[in-house]
Amino acid sequence: MSLTATYRLGTRLFWRDKPMLFASVVTPVGLAVGMPLLMRQVVSPSAAAAIFQGSLAILLSITAFMNIVVTLTTRRDQLVLKRLRAGRLTDAQILLGQIASTATQTVVLIAVCAVAVRLAGVALPQNPLLFAGAAVAGAVVSSLLGAAYTAVIPRTELAAAFTMPVFLAAGVAAGAMGPIPLPSWLQAALDLLPTSAVVHAVRTGEAALPALNLAVWAVVGLVALRWFRWEPRRS
């Protein structure tokens, strides 16, 4: 099996897993499209645009981060990863195939949401190239961090629960759930999240600091992969 085959396998399994499709596709897309449309009707078009920009954090934390956490944890506990390692693929190729597949699906869903809200009259970011670049970089980094995060999850049944704090922190930090007053120290800490960097780049048009933030998180994820577990824990 080649790296390309691993990528295609991850993509096929992603779209065939109906329970995960609801959690990692229907839910985030519904929020990313529905909330801006609601804000446009109830508040203002500018508020709708701000909510859509913040909803990128929801898409990244669910479709990228949570999805790969649940997927890799499940395959680890089912010994699928162990069997893949017995073939010709290296460890890096196995992980790279899954990370690339997850990131691709995330970028596709972001694009679908962007088209949907634009057709509904919600303004998109003024710099489309920066928007696309931030979405791709955020998807890759979130998928990478999700793969590394699986090391702390004891078993498959707890995978989704272990990702909820990340989802909540990302959504609150980006304002995807509306304006929530936070202590200044907490807001400053949440602004360091990679999802916050993506939203900041899209909202302000600034690229340098968000790129630095994502680069640091990418290094953290690569280092943390040293503790990636290929087999379930022995009880």
C-alpha atoms as a PDB file:
ATOM      1  CA  MET A   1       0.000   0.000   0.000  1.00  0.00           C
ATOM      2  CA  SER A   2       1.394   3.414  -1.002  1.00  0.00           C
ATOM      3  CA  LEU A   3       1.031   6.794   0.664  1.00  0.00           C
ATOM      4  CA  THR A   4      -1.535   7.757  -1.969  1.00  0.00           C
ATOM      5  CA  ALA A   5      -3.540   4.632  -1.224  1.00  0.00           C
ATOM      6  CA  THR A   6      -3.480   5.452   2.483  1.00  0.00           C
ATOM      7  CA  TYR A   7      -4.772   8.927   1.680  1.00  0.00           C
ATOM      8  CA  ARG A   8      -7.585   7.532  -0.479  1.00  0.00           C
ATOM      9  CA  LEU A   9      -8.466   4.971   2.173  1.00  0.00           C
ATOM     10  CA  GLY A  10      -8.801   7.665   4.809  1.00  0.00           C
ATOM     11  CA  THR A  11     -10.985   9.729   2.494  1.00  0.00           C
ATOM     12  CA  ARG A  12     -13.304   6.833   1.649  1.00  0.00           C
ATOM     13  CA  LEU A  13     -13.705   5.834   5.264  1.00  0.00           C
ATOM     14  CA  PHE A  14     -14.422   9.449   6.195  1.00  0.00           C
ATOM     15  CA  TRP A  15     -17.449   9.655   3.877  1.00  0.00           C
ATOM     16  CA  ARG A  16     -18.710   6.141   4.667  1.00  0.00           C
ATOM     17  CA  ASP A  17     -18.781   6.564   8.442  1.00  0.00           C
ATOM     18  CA  LYS A  18     -22.360   7.826   8.926  1.00  0.00           C
ATOM     19  CA  PRO A  19     -22.157   8.569  12.692  1.00  0.00           C
ATOM     20  CA  MET A  20     -18.944  10.525  12.192  1.00  0.00           C
ATOM     21  CA  LEU A  21     -20.400  12.319   9.183  1.00  0.00           C
ATOM     22  CA  PHE A  22     -23.127  13.760  11.360  1.00  0.00           C
ATOM     23  CA  ALA A  23     -20.654  14.857  14.023  1.00  0.00           C
ATOM     24  CA  SER A  24     -17.848  16.113  11.797  1.00  0.00           C
ATOM     25  CA  VAL A  25     -19.769  17.348   8.741  1.00  0.00           C
ATOM     26  CA  VAL A  26     -23.456  18.026   9.380  1.00  0.00           C
ATOM     27  CA  THR A  27     -23.024  19.689  12.783  1.00  0.00           C
ATOM     28  CA  PRO A  28     -20.152  22.077  11.996  1.00  0.00           C
ATOM     29  CA  VAL A  29     -21.518  22.955   8.559  1.00  0.00           C
ATOM     30  CA  GLY A  30     -24.940  23.605  10.067  1.00  0.00           C
ATOM     31  CA  LEU A  31     -23.396  25.935  12.649  1.00  0.00           C
ATOM     32  CA  ALA A  32     -21.054  27.650  10.184  1.00  0.00           C
ATOM     33  CA  VAL A  33     -23.884  28.382   7.756  1.00  0.00           C
ATOM     34  CA  GLY A  34     -26.904  28.651  10.035  1.00  0.00           C
ATOM     35  CA  MET A  35     -25.514  31.030  12.644  1.00  0.00           C
ATOM     36  CA  PRO A  36     -24.365  33.708  10.149  1.00  0.00           C
ATOM     37  CA  LEU A  37     -27.714  33.537   8.361  1.00  0.00           C
ATOM     38  CA  LEU A  38     -29.524  33.947  11.667  1.00  0.00           C
ATOM     39  CA  MET A  39     -27.321  36.887  12.676  1.00  0.00           C
ATOM     40  CA  ARG A  40     -27.924  38.525   9.297  1.00  0.00           C
ATOM     41  CA  GLN A  41     -31.671  38.427   9.850  1.00  0.00           C
ATOM     42  CA  VAL A  42     -31.654  39.335  13.551  1.00  0.00           C
ATOM     43  CA  VAL A  43     -28.700  41.702  13.962  1.00  0.00           C
ATOM     44  CA  SER A  44     -26.827  42.956  10.890  1.00  0.00           C
ATOM     45  CA  PRO A  45     -24.833  41.829   7.853  1.00  0.00           C
ATOM     46  CA  SER A  46     -21.561  42.853   9.547  1.00  0.00           C
ATOM     47  CA  ALA A  47     -22.391  40.736  12.576  1.00  0.00           C
ATOM     48  CA  ALA A  48     -23.155  37.816  10.250  1.00  0.00           C
ATOM     49  CA  ALA A  49     -19.762  38.193   8.561  1.00  0.00           C
ATOM     50  CA  ALA A  50     -18.013  38.260  11.946  1.00  0.00           C
ATOM     51  CA  ILE A  51     -19.825  35.122  13.082  1.00  0.00           C
ATOM     52  CA  PHE A  52     -18.901  33.285   9.887  1.00  0.00           C
ATOM     53  CA  GLN A  53     -15.254  34.209  10.346  1.00  0.00           C
ATOM     54  CA  GLY A  54     -15.422  32.929  13.916  1.00  0.00           C
ATOM     55  CA  SER A  55     -17.116  29.745  12.756  1.00  0.00           C
ATOM     56  CA  LEU A  56     -13.867  28.755  11.058  1.00  0.00           C
ATOM     57  CA  ALA A  57     -12.674  27.822  14.532  1.00  0.00           C
ATOM     58  CA  ILE A  58     -15.633  25.450  14.880  1.00  0.00           C
ATOM     59  CA  LEU A  59     -14.922  23.794  11.540  1.00  0.00           C
ATOM     60  CA  LEU A  60     -11.248  23.371  12.370  1.00  0.00           C
ATOM     61  CA  SER A  61     -11.837  22.066  15.885  1.00  0.00           C
ATOM     62  CA  ILE A  62     -14.518  19.560  14.839  1.00  0.00           C
ATOM     63  CA  THR A  63     -13.861  18.504  11.247  1.00  0.00           C
ATOM     64  CA  ALA A  64     -10.077  18.525  11.557  1.00  0.00           C
ATOM     65  CA  PHE A  65      -9.131  18.086  15.212  1.00  0.00           C
ATOM     66  CA  MET A  66     -11.981  15.992  16.597  1.00  0.00           C
ATOM     67  CA  ASN A  67     -12.372  13.889  13.476  1.00  0.00           C
ATOM     68  CA  ILE A  68      -8.767  12.752  13.328  1.00  0.00           C
ATOM     69  CA  VAL A  69      -8.680  12.161  17.088  1.00  0.00           C
ATOM     70  CA  VAL A  70     -11.681   9.820  16.933  1.00  0.00           C
ATOM     71  CA  THR A  71     -10.502   8.154  13.719  1.00  0.00           C
ATOM     72  CA  LEU A  72      -6.963   7.375  14.854  1.00  0.00           C
ATOM     73  CA  THR A  73      -8.056   6.321  18.326  1.00  0.00           C
ATOM     74  CA  THR A  74     -10.599   3.930  16.849  1.00  0.00           C
ATOM     75  CA  ARG A  75      -8.106   2.433  14.405  1.00  0.00           C
ATOM     76  CA  ARG A  76      -5.514   2.127  17.150  1.00  0.00           C
ATOM     77  CA  ASP A  77      -7.865   0.233  19.455  1.00  0.00           C
ATOM     78  CA  GLN A  78      -9.042  -1.984  16.597  1.00  0.00           C
ATOM     79  CA  LEU A  79      -5.395  -2.773  15.810  1.00  0.00           C
ATOM     80  CA  VAL A  80      -5.745  -1.361  12.291  1.00  0.00           C
ATOM     81  CA  LEU A  81      -2.712   0.861  12.786  1.00  0.00           C
ATOM     82  CA  LYS A  82      -0.683  -2.095  14.004  1.00  0.00           C
ATOM     83  CA  ARG A  83      -1.551  -4.038  10.859  1.00  0.00           C
ATOM     84  CA  LEU A  84      -0.656  -1.080   8.641  1.00  0.00           C
ATOM     85  CA  ARG A  85       2.766  -0.889  10.285  1.00  0.00           C
ATOM     86  CA  ALA A  86       3.352  -4.522   9.311  1.00  0.00           C
ATOM     87  CA  GLY A  87       3.271  -3.517   5.646  1.00  0.00           C
ATOM     88  CA  ARG A  88       5.669  -1.468   3.587  1.00  0.00           C
ATOM     89  CA  LEU A  89       4.560   1.943   4.813  1.00  0.00           C
ATOM     90  CA  THR A  90       6.641   3.833   7.327  1.00  0.00           C
ATOM     91  CA  ASP A  91       5.091   5.329  10.448  1.00  0.00           C
ATOM     92  CA  ALA A  92       5.434   8.799   8.953  1.00  0.00           C
ATOM     93  CA  GLN A  93       3.609   7.766   5.770  1.00  0.00           C
ATOM     94  CA  ILE A  94       0.702   6.278   7.697  1.00  0.00           C
ATOM     95  CA  LEU A  95       0.232   9.418   9.764  1.00  0.00           C
ATOM     96  CA  LEU A  96       0.838  11.741   6.832  1.00  0.00           C
ATOM     97  CA  GLY A  97      -1.832   9.997   4.776  1.00  0.00           C
ATOM     98  CA  GLN A  98      -4.426  10.413   7.517  1.00  0.00           C
ATOM     99  CA  ILE A  99      -3.451  14.001   8.306  1.00  0.00           C
ATOM    100  CA  ALA A 100      -3.554  14.977   4.628  1.00  0.00           C
ATOM    101  CA  SER A 101      -6.922  13.276   4.139  1.00  0.00           C
ATOM    102  CA  THR A 102      -8.479  14.971   7.164  1.00  0.00           C
ATOM    103  CA  ALA A 103      -7.075  18.370   6.225  1.00  0.00           C
ATOM    104  CA  THR A 104      -8.436  18.010   2.684  1.00  0.00           C
ATOM    105  CA  GLN A 105     -11.949  17.232   3.881  1.00  0.00           C
ATOM    106  CA  THR A 106     -11.802  20.207   6.232  1.00  0.00           C
ATOM    107  CA  VAL A 107     -10.761  22.619   3.489  1.00  0.00           C
ATOM    108  CA  VAL A 108     -13.517  21.291   1.221  1.00  0.00           C
ATOM    109  CA  LEU A 109     -16.138  21.885   3.908  1.00  0.00           C
ATOM    110  CA  ILE A 110     -14.831  25.395   4.590  1.00  0.00           C
ATOM    111  CA  ALA A 111     -15.137  26.147   0.884  1.00  0.00           C
ATOM    112  CA  VAL A 112     -18.690  24.765   0.793  1.00  0.00           C
ATOM    113  CA  CYS A 113     -19.680  26.885   3.789  1.00  0.00           C
ATOM    114  CA  ALA A 114     -18.101  29.983   2.250  1.00  0.00           C
ATOM    115  CA  VAL A 115     -20.049  29.519  -0.982  1.00  0.00           C
ATOM    116  CA  ALA A 116     -23.287  28.865   0.924  1.00  0.00           C
ATOM    117  CA  VAL A 117     -23.098  31.983   3.096  1.00  0.00           C
ATOM    118  CA  ARG A 118     -22.023  34.137   0.158  1.00  0.00           C
ATOM    119  CA  LEU A 119     -25.041  33.033  -1.856  1.00  0.00           C
ATOM    120  CA  ALA A 120     -27.160  33.936   1.164  1.00  0.00           C
ATOM    121  CA  GLY A 121     -25.797  37.471   1.193  1.00  0.00           C
ATOM    122  CA  VAL A 122     -23.085  37.235   3.876  1.00  0.00           C
ATOM    123  CA  ALA A 123     -19.855  39.013   3.002  1.00  0.00           C
ATOM    124  CA  LEU A 124     -16.669  36.960   2.757  1.00  0.00           C
ATOM    125  CA  PRO A 125     -13.187  38.149   3.773  1.00  0.00           C
ATOM    126  CA  GLN A 126     -11.782  40.811   1.434  1.00  0.00           C
ATOM    127  CA  ASN A 127      -8.553  38.908   0.786  1.00  0.00           C
ATOM    128  CA  PRO A 128      -9.537  35.542  -0.750  1.00  0.00           C
ATOM    129  CA  LEU A 129      -5.928  34.325  -1.067  1.00  0.00           C
ATOM    130  CA  LEU A 130      -5.250  34.959   2.613  1.00  0.00           C
ATOM    131  CA  PHE A 131      -8.560  33.307   3.480  1.00  0.00           C
ATOM    132  CA  ALA A 132      -7.642  30.215   1.456  1.00  0.00           C
ATOM    133  CA  GLY A 133      -4.100  30.076   2.814  1.00  0.00           C
ATOM    134  CA  ALA A 134      -5.246  30.451   6.410  1.00  0.00           C
ATOM    135  CA  ALA A 135      -7.876  27.738   5.934  1.00  0.00           C
ATOM    136  CA  VAL A 136      -5.383  25.273   4.476  1.00  0.00           C
ATOM    137  CA  ALA A 137      -2.696  25.993   7.077  1.00  0.00           C
ATOM    138  CA  GLY A 138      -5.219  25.830   9.911  1.00  0.00           C
ATOM    139  CA  ALA A 139      -6.607  22.513   8.654  1.00  0.00           C
ATOM    140  CA  VAL A 140      -3.160  20.952   8.413  1.00  0.00           C
ATOM    141  CA  VAL A 141      -2.009  22.170  11.828  1.00  0.00           C
ATOM    142  CA  SER A 142      -5.293  21.189  13.523  1.00  0.00           C
ATOM    143  CA  SER A 143      -5.107  17.705  11.995  1.00  0.00           C
ATOM    144  CA  LEU A 144      -1.484  17.351  13.065  1.00  0.00           C
ATOM    145  CA  LEU A 145      -2.278  18.400  16.629  1.00  0.00           C
ATOM    146  CA  GLY A 146      -5.249  16.037  16.692  1.00  0.00           C
ATOM    147  CA  ALA A 147      -3.036  13.119  15.704  1.00  0.00           C
ATOM    148  CA  ALA A 148      -0.617  13.969  18.513  1.00  0.00           C
ATOM    149  CA  TYR A 149      -3.482  14.458  20.999  1.00  0.00           C
ATOM    150  CA  THR A 150      -4.545  10.815  20.677  1.00  0.00           C
ATOM    151  CA  ALA A 151      -1.653   9.836  22.950  1.00  0.00           C
ATOM    152  CA  VAL A 152      -3.575  11.077  26.016  1.00  0.00           C
ATOM    153  CA  ILE A 153      -6.833   9.269  25.181  1.00  0.00           C
ATOM    154  CA  PRO A 154      -7.114   5.915  26.974  1.00  0.00           C
ATOM    155  CA  ARG A 155      -9.779   4.326  24.756  1.00  0.00           C
ATOM    156  CA  THR A 156     -12.099   4.979  21.832  1.00  0.00           C
ATOM    157  CA  GLU A 157     -15.232   5.626  23.891  1.00  0.00           C
ATOM    158  CA  LEU A 158     -13.627   8.714  25.460  1.00  0.00           C
ATOM    159  CA  ALA A 159     -12.194  10.223  22.291  1.00  0.00           C
ATOM    160  CA  ALA A 160     -15.051  12.603  21.518  1.00  0.00           C
ATOM    161  CA  ALA A 161     -15.363  13.676  25.153  1.00  0.00           C
ATOM    162  CA  PHE A 162     -11.653  14.475  25.324  1.00  0.00           C
ATOM    163  CA  THR A 163     -12.001  16.862  22.364  1.00  0.00           C
ATOM    164  CA  MET A 164     -14.913  18.880  23.787  1.00  0.00           C
ATOM    165  CA  PRO A 165     -12.739  21.269  25.852  1.00  0.00           C
ATOM    166  CA  VAL A 166     -10.748  22.064  22.709  1.00  0.00           C
ATOM    167  CA  PHE A 167     -13.930  22.719  20.725  1.00  0.00           C
ATOM    168  CA  LEU A 168     -15.383  24.973  23.416  1.00  0.00           C
ATOM    169  CA  ALA A 169     -12.160  26.905  23.910  1.00  0.00           C
ATOM    170  CA  ALA A 170     -11.725  27.422  20.167  1.00  0.00           C
ATOM    171  CA  GLY A 171     -15.329  28.544  19.652  1.00  0.00           C
ATOM    172  CA  VAL A 172     -15.361  30.958  22.587  1.00  0.00           C
ATOM    173  CA  ALA A 173     -11.960  32.422  21.720  1.00  0.00           C
ATOM    174  CA  ALA A 174     -12.982  33.140  18.123  1.00  0.00           C
ATOM    175  CA  GLY A 175     -16.363  34.617  19.016  1.00  0.00           C
ATOM    176  CA  ALA A 176     -18.155  31.897  17.076  1.00  0.00           C
ATOM    177  CA  MET A 177     -20.728  31.625  19.858  1.00  0.00           C
ATOM    178  CA  GLY A 178     -21.339  35.349  20.103  1.00  0.00           C
ATOM    179  CA  PRO A 179     -19.670  37.919  22.359  1.00  0.00           C
ATOM    180  CA  ILE A 180     -18.791  36.261  25.675  1.00  0.00           C
ATOM    181  CA  PRO A 181     -17.039  38.459  28.262  1.00  0.00           C
ATOM    182  CA  LEU A 182     -13.807  36.860  29.455  1.00  0.00           C
ATOM    183  CA  PRO A 183     -11.066  37.939  31.864  1.00  0.00           C
ATOM    184  CA  SER A 184      -8.255  39.646  29.972  1.00  0.00           C
ATOM    185  CA  TRP A 185      -5.719  36.987  30.975  1.00  0.00           C
ATOM    186  CA  LEU A 186      -7.982  34.202  29.735  1.00  0.00           C
ATOM    187  CA  GLN A 187      -8.694  35.950  26.445  1.00  0.00           C
ATOM    188  CA  ALA A 188      -4.962  36.487  25.932  1.00  0.00           C
ATOM    189  CA  ALA A 189      -4.317  32.786  26.533  1.00  0.00           C
ATOM    190  CA  LEU A 190      -7.100  31.697  24.151  1.00  0.00           C
ATOM    191  CA  ASP A 191      -5.779  34.036  21.474  1.00  0.00           C
ATOM    192  CA  LEU A 192      -2.704  31.803  21.299  1.00  0.00           C
ATOM    193  CA  LEU A 193      -4.731  28.877  19.963  1.00  0.00           C
ATOM    194  CA  PRO A 194      -4.068  27.966  16.315  1.00  0.00           C
ATOM    195  CA  THR A 195      -7.757  28.356  15.516  1.00  0.00           C
ATOM    196  CA  SER A 196      -7.631  31.895  16.918  1.00  0.00           C
ATOM    197  CA  ALA A 197      -4.674  32.656  14.652  1.00  0.00           C
ATOM    198  CA  VAL A 198      -6.652  31.557  11.581  1.00  0.00           C
ATOM    199  CA  VAL A 199      -9.662  33.686  12.539  1.00  0.00           C
ATOM    200  CA  HIS A 200      -7.397  36.659  13.327  1.00  0.00           C
ATOM    201  CA  ALA A 201      -5.760  36.430   9.893  1.00  0.00           C
ATOM    202  CA  VAL A 202      -9.102  36.260   8.122  1.00  0.00           C
ATOM    203  CA  ARG A 203     -10.613  39.151  10.095  1.00  0.00           C
ATOM    204  CA  THR A 204      -7.707  41.571  10.023  1.00  0.00           C
ATOM    205  CA  GLY A 205      -5.815  40.615   6.893  1.00  0.00           C
ATOM    206  CA  GLU A 206      -2.634  40.229   8.904  1.00  0.00           C
ATOM    207  CA  ALA A 207      -0.497  37.267   7.908  1.00  0.00           C
ATOM    208  CA  ALA A 208       2.828  37.449   9.758  1.00  0.00           C
ATOM    209  CA  LEU A 209       1.795  36.813  13.377  1.00  0.00           C
ATOM    210  CA  PRO A 210      -0.815  34.147  12.531  1.00  0.00           C
ATOM    211  CA  ALA A 211       1.752  32.376  10.339  1.00  0.00           C
ATOM    212  CA  LEU A 212       4.256  32.423  13.201  1.00  0.00           C
ATOM    213  CA  ASN A 213       1.604  31.092  15.592  1.00  0.00           C
ATOM    214  CA  LEU A 214       0.716  28.219  13.262  1.00  0.00           C
ATOM    215  CA  ALA A 215       4.384  27.422  12.656  1.00  0.00           C
ATOM    216  CA  VAL A 216       5.014  27.141  16.395  1.00  0.00           C
ATOM    217  CA  TRP A 217       1.992  24.882  16.855  1.00  0.00           C
ATOM    218  CA  ALA A 218       3.142  22.747  13.923  1.00  0.00           C
ATOM    219  CA  VAL A 219       6.496  22.222  15.638  1.00  0.00           C
ATOM    220  CA  VAL A 220       4.687  21.355  18.878  1.00  0.00           C
ATOM    221  CA  GLY A 221       2.581  18.802  17.029  1.00  0.00           C
ATOM    222  CA  LEU A 222       5.553  17.211  15.291  1.00  0.00           C
ATOM    223  CA  VAL A 223       7.463  16.906  18.564  1.00  0.00           C
ATOM    224  CA  ALA A 224       4.410  15.519  20.365  1.00  0.00           C
ATOM    225  CA  LEU A 225       4.041  12.779  17.741  1.00  0.00           C
ATOM    226  CA  ARG A 226       7.031  11.093  19.373  1.00  0.00           C
ATOM    227  CA  TRP A 227       4.556   9.832  22.003  1.00  0.00           C
ATOM    228  CA  PHE A 228       1.969   8.630  19.480  1.00  0.00           C
ATOM    229  CA  ARG A 229       0.662   5.197  20.481  1.00  0.00           C
ATOM    230  CA  TRP A 230       0.147   2.581  17.771  1.00  0.00           C
ATOM    231  CA  GLU A 231      -1.499  -0.008  19.996  1.00  0.00           C
ATOM    232  CA  PRO A 232      -4.141   0.177  22.746  1.00  0.00           C
ATOM    233  CA  ARG A 233      -3.046   0.347  26.338  1.00  0.00           C
ATOM    234  CA  ARG A 234      -2.844  -2.918  28.153  1.00  0.00           C
ATOM    235  CA  SER A 235      -5.213  -3.040  31.117  1.00  0.00           C
END
